[in-house]
Amino acid sequence: MSNSPYDHPDVKHFSSEDQRMTSEQATKELHEGMKTLEPLGPCVTIFGSGGTEKDSHYYNLSKDIAYQIGKAGYGILSGGGGGAMEAANVGAQMAQTHSVGLKVNLPFPQPANDYIDEGKLLYFEYIHIRKMMFIKYSKSIIVMPGGVGTLDELFEIYVLVMTMKKERFPVFLVGTDFWKGLLAWMEEQLLKEHNYINPIDLTLVKMVDSAEEVVEEIERYYACS
């Protein structure tokens, strides 16, 4: 028997009944997500690690970015958890703008943070439906430092824009010291060494280090579009 921490007793082969229930659940999540998010107006998503410490630079920066974006007239969407996600919701409530949490149901405890507006915490069984809600209802995506989940969210956006399934829009990597190694690797290995991407692909994201840069870039982008 495997002792992998990723084994889970609920994993099983789908029967036809499972498939029917999956389809119904996905439809329900789409409907509830659209019903909740459609009336909110323009929003910005902030991704980042649930492990970001409360007294850390990136927690405070996530909070400040959300606050300043909120004051600029945007609602804030986060993954609804702790760390950088919680900081985003804290900043949203400080700015008195919409503070929304879109959580995914996981096989281990990960409670929602306490800074999400009443009626604006949604739970998703299916990660792809949750991602769809972030992308559909965001005017910009801000990516704070994070792990594999954050990278997954970042590269999902990359793929959608590169394949023209999503129009180009402002995407920010916050923290030059954290992200510069990834972009350097992409340039060296994916572009120069193997020619797997095009030069323009490296311009789809912008590294920033302050809330002011984010707000200025978003306002400049939409003033010109």
Protein backbone atom coordinates (compact mmCIF):
# COMPACT_ATOMS: atom_id res chain seq x y z
CA MET A 1 0.00 0.00 0.00
CA SER A 2 1.27 3.44 -0.91
CA ASN A 3 2.08 5.86 1.91
CA SER A 4 2.01 8.90 -0.36
CA PRO A 5 0.52 12.01 1.31
CA TYR A 6 -1.37 12.55 -1.95
CA ASP A 7 -3.36 9.32 -1.76
CA HIS A 8 -6.98 9.95 -0.84
CA PRO A 9 -9.72 7.40 -0.12
CA ASP A 10 -12.36 9.37 -2.04
CA VAL A 11 -10.55 8.97 -5.36
CA LYS A 12 -12.42 6.41 -7.49
CA HIS A 13 -13.41 5.55 -11.04
CA PHE A 14 -16.44 7.45 -12.33
CA SER A 15 -19.64 5.57 -12.97
CA SER A 16 -22.33 6.93 -15.28
CA GLU A 17 -24.16 8.21 -12.19
CA ASP A 18 -20.98 9.97 -11.04
CA GLN A 19 -20.73 11.63 -14.45
CA ARG A 20 -24.33 12.85 -14.25
CA MET A 21 -23.76 14.28 -10.77
CA THR A 22 -20.52 15.91 -11.92
CA SER A 23 -22.31 17.64 -14.79
CA GLU A 24 -25.06 18.88 -12.47
CA GLN A 25 -22.55 20.16 -9.91
CA ALA A 26 -20.50 21.96 -12.56
CA THR A 27 -23.63 23.62 -13.95
CA LYS A 28 -24.68 24.67 -10.45
CA GLU A 29 -21.27 26.19 -9.74
CA LEU A 30 -21.32 28.11 -13.02
CA HIS A 31 -24.77 29.48 -12.29
CA GLU A 32 -24.00 30.49 -8.70
CA GLY A 33 -20.69 32.06 -9.67
CA MET A 34 -22.21 34.14 -12.47
CA LYS A 35 -25.18 35.16 -10.32
CA THR A 36 -22.87 36.40 -7.57
CA LEU A 37 -20.15 38.05 -9.65
CA GLU A 38 -22.05 39.57 -12.58
CA PRO A 39 -23.61 42.43 -10.54
CA LEU A 40 -20.34 43.51 -8.93
CA GLY A 41 -18.92 45.58 -11.76
CA PRO A 42 -15.19 45.71 -12.55
CA CYS A 43 -13.01 43.54 -10.33
CA VAL A 44 -9.36 42.61 -10.00
CA THR A 45 -8.09 39.21 -8.88
CA ILE A 46 -5.20 38.82 -6.46
CA PHE A 47 -3.56 35.37 -6.37
CA GLY A 48 -0.88 34.29 -3.90
CA SER A 49 0.19 31.81 -1.27
CA GLY A 50 -2.00 30.87 1.66
CA GLY A 51 1.24 30.48 3.61
CA THR A 52 2.28 34.14 3.45
CA GLU A 53 2.93 35.24 7.02
CA LYS A 54 0.84 38.08 8.45
CA ASP A 55 3.83 40.16 9.48
CA SER A 56 5.65 39.69 6.16
CA HIS A 57 6.41 42.24 3.46
CA TYR A 58 4.27 40.43 0.89
CA TYR A 59 1.24 40.19 3.19
CA ASN A 60 1.34 43.94 3.76
CA LEU A 61 1.95 44.59 0.08
CA SER A 62 -1.00 42.42 -0.96
CA LYS A 63 -3.18 44.34 1.49
CA ASP A 64 -1.93 47.70 0.20
CA ILE A 65 -2.46 46.73 -3.44
CA ALA A 66 -6.03 45.60 -2.73
CA TYR A 67 -6.72 48.78 -0.78
CA GLN A 68 -5.46 51.09 -3.51
CA ILE A 69 -7.19 49.13 -6.28
CA GLY A 70 -10.39 49.24 -4.23
CA LYS A 71 -10.10 53.00 -3.86
CA ALA A 72 -9.66 53.21 -7.64
CA GLY A 73 -13.09 51.66 -8.07
CA TYR A 74 -12.49 47.93 -8.44
CA GLY A 75 -13.79 45.02 -6.41
CA ILE A 76 -11.31 42.41 -5.19
CA LEU A 77 -11.45 38.67 -5.88
CA SER A 78 -9.20 36.26 -3.99
CA GLY A 79 -8.94 32.55 -3.42
CA GLY A 80 -10.61 33.09 -0.06
CA GLY A 81 -7.92 31.45 2.06
CA GLY A 82 -5.25 32.80 4.35
CA GLY A 83 -1.93 34.47 3.63
CA ALA A 84 -1.80 36.73 0.57
CA MET A 85 -5.46 35.91 -0.15
CA GLU A 86 -6.55 37.08 3.29
CA ALA A 87 -4.46 40.22 2.92
CA ALA A 88 -6.25 41.01 -0.34
CA ASN A 89 -9.63 40.71 1.35
CA VAL A 90 -8.46 42.81 4.29
CA GLY A 91 -7.39 45.58 1.90
CA ALA A 92 -10.68 45.35 0.03
CA GLN A 93 -12.72 45.84 3.18
CA MET A 94 -10.49 48.70 4.27
CA ALA A 95 -11.25 50.35 0.93
CA GLN A 96 -14.97 49.57 1.34
CA THR A 97 -15.12 47.79 -1.99
CA HIS A 98 -16.41 44.31 -2.84
CA SER A 99 -14.39 41.65 -1.01
CA VAL A 100 -14.96 38.26 -2.64
CA GLY A 101 -13.56 34.80 -1.94
CA LEU A 102 -13.67 31.89 -4.38
CA LYS A 103 -12.54 28.79 -2.55
CA VAL A 104 -11.98 25.30 -3.83
CA ASN A 105 -13.08 22.30 -1.76
CA LEU A 106 -9.99 20.37 -0.71
CA PRO A 107 -9.57 17.00 1.03
CA PHE A 108 -7.85 18.72 3.96
CA PRO A 109 -8.93 21.66 6.16
CA GLN A 110 -8.28 25.14 4.79
CA PRO A 111 -10.77 27.57 6.31
CA ALA A 112 -11.90 30.73 4.58
CA ASN A 113 -10.58 34.00 5.94
CA ASP A 114 -12.79 36.36 7.95
CA TYR A 115 -12.59 39.35 5.60
CA ILE A 116 -14.97 38.28 2.84
CA ASP A 117 -18.26 40.13 2.48
CA GLU A 118 -21.43 38.33 3.48
CA GLY A 119 -22.84 36.39 0.55
CA LYS A 120 -19.60 36.68 -1.45
CA LEU A 121 -17.85 33.50 -0.37
CA LEU A 122 -18.30 30.76 -2.95
CA TYR A 123 -17.08 27.17 -2.77
CA PHE A 124 -16.13 25.19 -5.86
CA GLU A 125 -15.70 21.46 -6.26
CA TYR A 126 -14.15 21.94 -9.69
CA ILE A 127 -10.97 23.97 -10.04
CA HIS A 128 -11.58 24.74 -13.73
CA ILE A 129 -14.95 26.38 -12.93
CA ARG A 130 -13.31 28.46 -10.21
CA LYS A 131 -10.55 29.57 -12.61
CA MET A 132 -13.17 30.51 -15.16
CA MET A 133 -14.85 32.82 -12.67
CA PHE A 134 -11.59 34.61 -11.85
CA ILE A 135 -10.70 35.13 -15.49
CA LYS A 136 -14.18 36.04 -16.73
CA TYR A 137 -14.80 38.71 -14.10
CA SER A 138 -11.34 40.28 -13.74
CA LYS A 139 -10.06 43.38 -15.47
CA SER A 140 -6.57 42.56 -14.25
CA ILE A 141 -4.73 39.71 -12.50
CA ILE A 142 -2.17 40.34 -9.77
CA VAL A 143 0.07 37.44 -8.80
CA MET A 144 1.77 37.63 -5.43
CA PRO A 145 4.54 35.18 -4.53
CA GLY A 146 3.24 31.64 -4.11
CA GLY A 147 3.76 27.96 -4.76
CA VAL A 148 2.51 25.41 -7.26
CA GLY A 149 -1.12 26.53 -7.04
CA THR A 150 -0.17 30.13 -7.74
CA LEU A 151 2.03 29.04 -10.66
CA ASP A 152 -0.87 27.00 -12.04
CA GLU A 153 -3.11 30.07 -11.93
CA LEU A 154 -0.43 32.21 -13.59
CA PHE A 155 0.23 29.79 -16.45
CA GLU A 156 -3.47 29.18 -17.03
CA ILE A 157 -3.73 32.89 -17.85
CA TYR A 158 -0.59 32.69 -20.00
CA VAL A 159 -2.07 29.87 -22.07
CA LEU A 160 -5.43 31.56 -22.54
CA VAL A 161 -3.87 34.81 -23.72
CA MET A 162 -1.26 33.09 -25.92
CA THR A 163 -3.95 31.00 -27.62
CA MET A 164 -6.22 34.06 -27.96
CA LYS A 165 -8.98 32.47 -25.88
CA LYS A 166 -8.74 35.53 -23.64
CA GLU A 167 -8.01 39.07 -24.75
CA ARG A 168 -4.76 40.52 -23.49
CA PHE A 169 -5.18 42.39 -20.21
CA PRO A 170 -2.90 43.58 -17.39
CA VAL A 171 -1.16 40.76 -15.51
CA PHE A 172 1.33 41.65 -12.78
CA LEU A 173 3.96 39.62 -10.96
CA VAL A 174 4.49 41.36 -7.63
CA GLY A 175 8.00 41.08 -6.21
CA THR A 176 10.88 41.38 -8.65
CA ASP A 177 13.24 39.45 -6.37
CA PHE A 178 10.80 36.53 -6.25
CA TRP A 179 9.79 36.35 -9.94
CA LYS A 180 12.87 37.45 -11.87
CA GLY A 181 14.40 33.97 -11.79
CA LEU A 182 11.31 32.42 -13.40
CA LEU A 183 11.21 35.00 -16.20
CA ALA A 184 14.96 34.68 -16.75
CA TRP A 185 14.57 30.89 -17.06
CA MET A 186 11.70 31.32 -19.51
CA GLU A 187 13.77 33.69 -21.63
CA GLU A 188 16.90 31.56 -21.57
CA GLN A 189 15.41 28.07 -21.88
CA LEU A 190 12.01 28.42 -23.52
CA LEU A 191 12.91 31.25 -25.91
CA LYS A 192 16.64 31.32 -26.65
CA GLU A 193 17.66 27.70 -26.09
CA HIS A 194 14.62 25.85 -27.47
CA ASN A 195 12.46 28.41 -29.31
CA TYR A 196 9.33 27.06 -27.59
CA ILE A 197 7.81 30.52 -27.14
CA ASN A 198 7.83 33.83 -29.01
CA PRO A 199 9.51 37.02 -27.75
CA ILE A 200 6.12 38.69 -27.36
CA ASP A 201 5.08 36.00 -24.87
CA LEU A 202 7.51 37.42 -22.33
CA THR A 203 5.68 40.76 -22.48
CA LEU A 204 2.36 39.31 -21.32
CA VAL A 205 3.27 39.92 -17.67
CA LYS A 206 4.91 42.85 -15.91
CA MET A 207 6.98 42.69 -12.74
CA VAL A 208 6.21 45.36 -10.16
CA ASP A 209 7.14 46.12 -6.57
CA SER A 210 4.53 48.59 -5.36
CA ALA A 211 0.80 49.19 -5.22
CA GLU A 212 1.26 52.51 -7.00
CA GLU A 213 2.79 50.80 -10.04
CA VAL A 214 -0.14 48.40 -10.27
CA VAL A 215 -2.82 51.09 -10.08
CA GLU A 216 -1.01 53.37 -12.53
CA GLU A 217 -0.57 50.57 -15.07
CA ILE A 218 -4.20 49.43 -14.84
CA GLU A 219 -5.51 52.97 -15.22
CA ARG A 220 -3.13 53.64 -18.14
CA TYR A 221 -4.14 50.43 -19.88
CA TYR A 222 -7.87 51.08 -19.74
CA ALA A 223 -7.49 54.78 -20.55
CA CYS A 224 -5.81 53.76 -23.82
CA SER A 225 -8.12 50.84 -24.71
